[in-house]
Amino acid sequence: MGSRSASAGLILSVLFGVPALAADCAADKVELRGPSGSVSRFHVEVADTPDERAQGLMFRDSMAKSAGMLFVYEKPQPATFWMKNTLIPLDMIFIDETGTVTRVHAKAKPEDETLIEGGKDVRFVLEINGGLAAPLGISEGAVLRSPFVPQAMAAWPCTAP
């Protein structure tokens, strides 16, 4: 994952003019600031291709509390998830193009094939361990800081190194 993170930073720099891996904004890390001002940090795997997004966190039996997976779409779009072959409960955090959380689905049940609607203008989805979002203050209106968010419109932009 280390080389993937470095190459993701280079791609972000070339495609989006984002500083490659600014100190507080790395491709393999995200921060969420809740409406109350609380800040949570997660080390993330990035799923930014159709195959990676389809695989997601399936078949894993655990995930560190400070870890997650960030699903990145090329443009805002409708997003629907399910838990087929996913063995751990997850909180799914749906985020728009500005990095603003628009919906949180808490404690998605392992292996449940019920569709989970994220909304129609989803650009990012952050999956973290089930039950963490609420106590961390992650709710609608929270903002994501990540170099994947288009910085010109980011609700919480990265700072330059």
C-alpha atoms as a PDB file:
ATOM      1  CA  MET A   1       0.000   0.000   0.000  1.00  0.00           C
ATOM      2  CA  GLY A   2       2.932   2.371   0.525  1.00  0.00           C
ATOM      3  CA  SER A   3       3.791   2.619  -3.169  1.00  0.00           C
ATOM      4  CA  ARG A   4       0.100   2.969  -4.019  1.00  0.00           C
ATOM      5  CA  SER A   5      -0.111   5.935  -1.636  1.00  0.00           C
ATOM      6  CA  ALA A   6       2.881   7.639  -3.214  1.00  0.00           C
ATOM      7  CA  SER A   7       1.585   7.061  -6.731  1.00  0.00           C
ATOM      8  CA  ALA A   8      -1.880   8.278  -5.673  1.00  0.00           C
ATOM      9  CA  GLY A   9      -0.268  11.484  -4.405  1.00  0.00           C
ATOM     10  CA  LEU A  10       1.551  11.969  -7.702  1.00  0.00           C
ATOM     11  CA  ILE A  11      -1.643  11.363  -9.684  1.00  0.00           C
ATOM     12  CA  LEU A  12      -3.520  13.834  -7.472  1.00  0.00           C
ATOM     13  CA  SER A  13      -0.809  16.410  -8.022  1.00  0.00           C
ATOM     14  CA  VAL A  14      -0.838  15.988 -11.806  1.00  0.00           C
ATOM     15  CA  LEU A  15      -4.615  15.696 -12.320  1.00  0.00           C
ATOM     16  CA  PHE A  16      -5.967  18.056  -9.698  1.00  0.00           C
ATOM     17  CA  GLY A  17      -3.070  20.385  -8.905  1.00  0.00           C
ATOM     18  CA  VAL A  18      -3.162  19.117  -5.313  1.00  0.00           C
ATOM     19  CA  PRO A  19       0.105  19.316  -3.376  1.00  0.00           C
ATOM     20  CA  ALA A  20       1.438  15.751  -3.428  1.00  0.00           C
ATOM     21  CA  LEU A  21       1.020  14.515   0.143  1.00  0.00           C
ATOM     22  CA  ALA A  22       0.794  17.755   2.105  1.00  0.00           C
ATOM     23  CA  ALA A  23       1.595  17.185   5.772  1.00  0.00           C
ATOM     24  CA  ASP A  24      -2.053  17.216   6.856  1.00  0.00           C
ATOM     25  CA  CYS A  25      -3.545  15.765   3.694  1.00  0.00           C
ATOM     26  CA  ALA A  26      -2.172  12.448   2.448  1.00  0.00           C
ATOM     27  CA  ALA A  27      -3.851  10.096  -0.006  1.00  0.00           C
ATOM     28  CA  ASP A  28      -3.916   7.287   2.578  1.00  0.00           C
ATOM     29  CA  LYS A  29      -5.358   9.394   5.418  1.00  0.00           C
ATOM     30  CA  VAL A  30      -8.607  11.288   5.906  1.00  0.00           C
ATOM     31  CA  GLU A  31      -9.892  13.586   8.594  1.00  0.00           C
ATOM     32  CA  LEU A  32     -13.507  14.277   9.438  1.00  0.00           C
ATOM     33  CA  ARG A  33     -14.574  17.335  11.390  1.00  0.00           C
ATOM     34  CA  GLY A  34     -17.985  16.968  12.990  1.00  0.00           C
ATOM     35  CA  PRO A  35     -20.523  19.772  13.404  1.00  0.00           C
ATOM     36  CA  SER A  36     -19.369  20.121  17.040  1.00  0.00           C
ATOM     37  CA  GLY A  37     -15.753  20.622  15.920  1.00  0.00           C
ATOM     38  CA  SER A  38     -14.498  17.165  16.910  1.00  0.00           C
ATOM     39  CA  VAL A  39     -11.882  15.758  14.524  1.00  0.00           C
ATOM     40  CA  SER A  40     -11.406  12.067  13.700  1.00  0.00           C
ATOM     41  CA  ARG A  41      -8.556  10.649  11.661  1.00  0.00           C
ATOM     42  CA  PHE A  42      -8.503   7.396   9.707  1.00  0.00           C
ATOM     43  CA  HIS A  43      -5.829   5.550   7.768  1.00  0.00           C
ATOM     44  CA  VAL A  44      -7.635   4.485   4.591  1.00  0.00           C
ATOM     45  CA  GLU A  45      -7.324   2.167   1.687  1.00  0.00           C
ATOM     46  CA  VAL A  46      -8.535   3.893  -1.456  1.00  0.00           C
ATOM     47  CA  ALA A  47     -10.995   2.191  -3.803  1.00  0.00           C
ATOM     48  CA  ASP A  48     -10.976   4.346  -6.917  1.00  0.00           C
ATOM     49  CA  THR A  49     -11.450   1.851  -9.730  1.00  0.00           C
ATOM     50  CA  PRO A  50     -14.605  -0.124 -10.543  1.00  0.00           C
ATOM     51  CA  ASP A  51     -12.938  -3.408  -9.504  1.00  0.00           C
ATOM     52  CA  GLU A  52     -11.665  -1.994  -6.201  1.00  0.00           C
ATOM     53  CA  ARG A  53     -15.060  -0.475  -5.422  1.00  0.00           C
ATOM     54  CA  ALA A  54     -16.800  -3.775  -6.224  1.00  0.00           C
ATOM     55  CA  GLN A  55     -14.434  -5.676  -3.890  1.00  0.00           C
ATOM     56  CA  GLY A  56     -14.581  -3.132  -1.065  1.00  0.00           C
ATOM     57  CA  LEU A  57     -14.071  -4.699   2.351  1.00  0.00           C
ATOM     58  CA  MET A  58     -15.501  -8.101   1.451  1.00  0.00           C
ATOM     59  CA  PHE A  59     -14.117 -11.240   3.112  1.00  0.00           C
ATOM     60  CA  ARG A  60     -12.239  -9.405   5.883  1.00  0.00           C
ATOM     61  CA  ASP A  61     -12.827 -10.562   9.419  1.00  0.00           C
ATOM     62  CA  SER A  62     -11.472  -7.460  11.162  1.00  0.00           C
ATOM     63  CA  MET A  63     -10.306  -3.891  10.659  1.00  0.00           C
ATOM     64  CA  ALA A  64      -8.334  -1.623  12.985  1.00  0.00           C
ATOM     65  CA  LYS A  65     -10.453   1.050  14.713  1.00  0.00           C
ATOM     66  CA  SER A  66      -8.398   3.794  13.088  1.00  0.00           C
ATOM     67  CA  ALA A  67      -8.750   2.267   9.611  1.00  0.00           C
ATOM     68  CA  GLY A  68     -11.290   2.510   6.834  1.00  0.00           C
ATOM     69  CA  MET A  69     -11.859   2.419   3.119  1.00  0.00           C
ATOM     70  CA  LEU A  70     -12.497   5.509   1.016  1.00  0.00           C
ATOM     71  CA  PHE A  71     -14.510   4.911  -2.139  1.00  0.00           C
ATOM     72  CA  VAL A  72     -13.759   7.602  -4.711  1.00  0.00           C
ATOM     73  CA  TYR A  73     -15.993   8.209  -7.730  1.00  0.00           C
ATOM     74  CA  GLU A  74     -14.987  10.296 -10.739  1.00  0.00           C
ATOM     75  CA  LYS A  75     -18.070  12.514 -10.426  1.00  0.00           C
ATOM     76  CA  PRO A  76     -21.141  12.866  -8.188  1.00  0.00           C
ATOM     77  CA  GLN A  77     -23.592  10.030  -8.787  1.00  0.00           C
ATOM     78  CA  PRO A  78     -26.215   7.862  -7.119  1.00  0.00           C
ATOM     79  CA  ALA A  79     -24.613   5.339  -4.771  1.00  0.00           C
ATOM     80  CA  THR A  80     -26.107   2.136  -3.425  1.00  0.00           C
ATOM     81  CA  PHE A  81     -24.202  -0.340  -1.261  1.00  0.00           C
ATOM     82  CA  TRP A  82     -24.860  -3.745   0.265  1.00  0.00           C
ATOM     83  CA  MET A  83     -23.037  -6.005   2.684  1.00  0.00           C
ATOM     84  CA  LYS A  84     -22.871  -9.231   0.670  1.00  0.00           C
ATOM     85  CA  ASN A  85     -19.691 -11.117   1.644  1.00  0.00           C
ATOM     86  CA  THR A  86     -18.763  -8.382   4.133  1.00  0.00           C
ATOM     87  CA  LEU A  87     -18.037 -10.015   7.470  1.00  0.00           C
ATOM     88  CA  ILE A  88     -17.732  -6.995   9.774  1.00  0.00           C
ATOM     89  CA  PRO A  89     -20.373  -4.368  10.663  1.00  0.00           C
ATOM     90  CA  LEU A  90     -19.698  -1.004   9.047  1.00  0.00           C
ATOM     91  CA  ASP A  91     -20.726   2.606   9.273  1.00  0.00           C
ATOM     92  CA  MET A  92     -21.092   4.003   5.756  1.00  0.00           C
ATOM     93  CA  ILE A  93     -20.505   7.726   5.464  1.00  0.00           C
ATOM     94  CA  PHE A  94     -21.799   9.247   2.226  1.00  0.00           C
ATOM     95  CA  ILE A  95     -20.076  12.444   1.134  1.00  0.00           C
ATOM     96  CA  ASP A  96     -20.702  14.970  -1.640  1.00  0.00           C
ATOM     97  CA  GLU A  97     -18.219  16.671  -3.972  1.00  0.00           C
ATOM     98  CA  THR A  98     -17.371  19.406  -1.439  1.00  0.00           C
ATOM     99  CA  GLY A  99     -16.456  16.792   1.164  1.00  0.00           C
ATOM    100  CA  THR A 100     -19.636  17.377   3.183  1.00  0.00           C
ATOM    101  CA  VAL A 101     -21.283  14.359   4.791  1.00  0.00           C
ATOM    102  CA  THR A 102     -24.817  14.010   3.463  1.00  0.00           C
ATOM    103  CA  ARG A 103     -25.803  10.740   5.134  1.00  0.00           C
ATOM    104  CA  VAL A 104     -24.503   8.213   7.646  1.00  0.00           C
ATOM    105  CA  HIS A 105     -25.765   4.642   7.629  1.00  0.00           C
ATOM    106  CA  ALA A 106     -24.799   3.194  11.007  1.00  0.00           C
ATOM    107  CA  LYS A 107     -24.026  -0.432  11.779  1.00  0.00           C
ATOM    108  CA  ALA A 108     -24.679  -2.057   8.416  1.00  0.00           C
ATOM    109  CA  LYS A 109     -25.226  -5.754   9.125  1.00  0.00           C
ATOM    110  CA  PRO A 110     -22.635  -8.267   7.916  1.00  0.00           C
ATOM    111  CA  GLU A 111     -23.681 -10.274   4.844  1.00  0.00           C
ATOM    112  CA  ASP A 112     -27.014  -8.428   4.519  1.00  0.00           C
ATOM    113  CA  GLU A 113     -28.057  -8.014   0.896  1.00  0.00           C
ATOM    114  CA  THR A 114     -30.509  -5.190   1.616  1.00  0.00           C
ATOM    115  CA  LEU A 115     -29.622  -2.161  -0.503  1.00  0.00           C
ATOM    116  CA  ILE A 116     -28.307   0.861   1.393  1.00  0.00           C
ATOM    117  CA  GLU A 117     -29.136   4.110  -0.381  1.00  0.00           C
ATOM    118  CA  GLY A 118     -26.492   6.789  -0.144  1.00  0.00           C
ATOM    119  CA  GLY A 119     -28.200   9.509  -2.150  1.00  0.00           C
ATOM    120  CA  LYS A 120     -27.992  10.820  -5.678  1.00  0.00           C
ATOM    121  CA  ASP A 121     -24.946  13.129  -5.561  1.00  0.00           C
ATOM    122  CA  VAL A 122     -22.363  10.948  -3.824  1.00  0.00           C
ATOM    123  CA  ARG A 123     -18.712  11.507  -4.700  1.00  0.00           C
ATOM    124  CA  PHE A 124     -17.116   9.636  -1.780  1.00  0.00           C
ATOM    125  CA  VAL A 125     -18.072   6.928   0.677  1.00  0.00           C
ATOM    126  CA  LEU A 126     -16.029   6.274   3.790  1.00  0.00           C
ATOM    127  CA  GLU A 127     -16.524   2.905   5.454  1.00  0.00           C
ATOM    128  CA  ILE A 128     -15.376   2.567   9.055  1.00  0.00           C
ATOM    129  CA  ASN A 129     -16.063   0.040  11.796  1.00  0.00           C
ATOM    130  CA  GLY A 130     -19.744  -0.147  12.686  1.00  0.00           C
ATOM    131  CA  GLY A 131     -20.812   1.990  15.611  1.00  0.00           C
ATOM    132  CA  LEU A 132     -17.887   4.442  15.513  1.00  0.00           C
ATOM    133  CA  ALA A 133     -19.442   7.390  13.643  1.00  0.00           C
ATOM    134  CA  ALA A 134     -21.916   8.505  16.329  1.00  0.00           C
ATOM    135  CA  PRO A 135     -19.540   8.558  19.324  1.00  0.00           C
ATOM    136  CA  LEU A 136     -16.938  10.354  17.182  1.00  0.00           C
ATOM    137  CA  GLY A 137     -19.456  13.063  16.250  1.00  0.00           C
ATOM    138  CA  ILE A 138     -19.560  12.106  12.572  1.00  0.00           C
ATOM    139  CA  SER A 139     -23.007  13.038  11.279  1.00  0.00           C
ATOM    140  CA  GLU A 140     -24.675  14.954   8.455  1.00  0.00           C
ATOM    141  CA  GLY A 141     -22.848  18.225   7.986  1.00  0.00           C
ATOM    142  CA  ALA A 142     -19.439  16.859   9.026  1.00  0.00           C
ATOM    143  CA  VAL A 143     -16.680  17.635   6.535  1.00  0.00           C
ATOM    144  CA  LEU A 144     -13.975  15.433   5.046  1.00  0.00           C
ATOM    145  CA  ARG A 145     -10.432  16.627   4.445  1.00  0.00           C
ATOM    146  CA  SER A 146      -8.682  14.620   1.749  1.00  0.00           C
ATOM    147  CA  PRO A 147      -6.639  15.431  -1.353  1.00  0.00           C
ATOM    148  CA  PHE A 148      -9.280  13.553  -3.369  1.00  0.00           C
ATOM    149  CA  VAL A 149     -11.830  16.312  -2.680  1.00  0.00           C
ATOM    150  CA  PRO A 150     -11.561  18.980  -5.413  1.00  0.00           C
ATOM    151  CA  GLN A 151      -9.716  21.619  -3.397  1.00  0.00           C
ATOM    152  CA  ALA A 152     -11.286  24.650  -5.122  1.00  0.00           C
ATOM    153  CA  MET A 153     -14.680  23.625  -3.744  1.00  0.00           C
ATOM    154  CA  ALA A 154     -13.633  21.753  -0.598  1.00  0.00           C
ATOM    155  CA  ALA A 155     -15.573  22.592   2.554  1.00  0.00           C
ATOM    156  CA  TRP A 156     -12.355  21.757   4.471  1.00  0.00           C
ATOM    157  CA  PRO A 157      -9.411  22.103   2.087  1.00  0.00           C
ATOM    158  CA  CYS A 158      -5.929  20.731   2.547  1.00  0.00           C
ATOM    159  CA  THR A 159      -3.323  23.254   3.568  1.00  0.00           C
ATOM    160  CA  ALA A 160      -0.225  23.752   1.481  1.00  0.00           C
ATOM    161  CA  PRO A 161       3.029  22.324   2.863  1.00  0.00           C
END
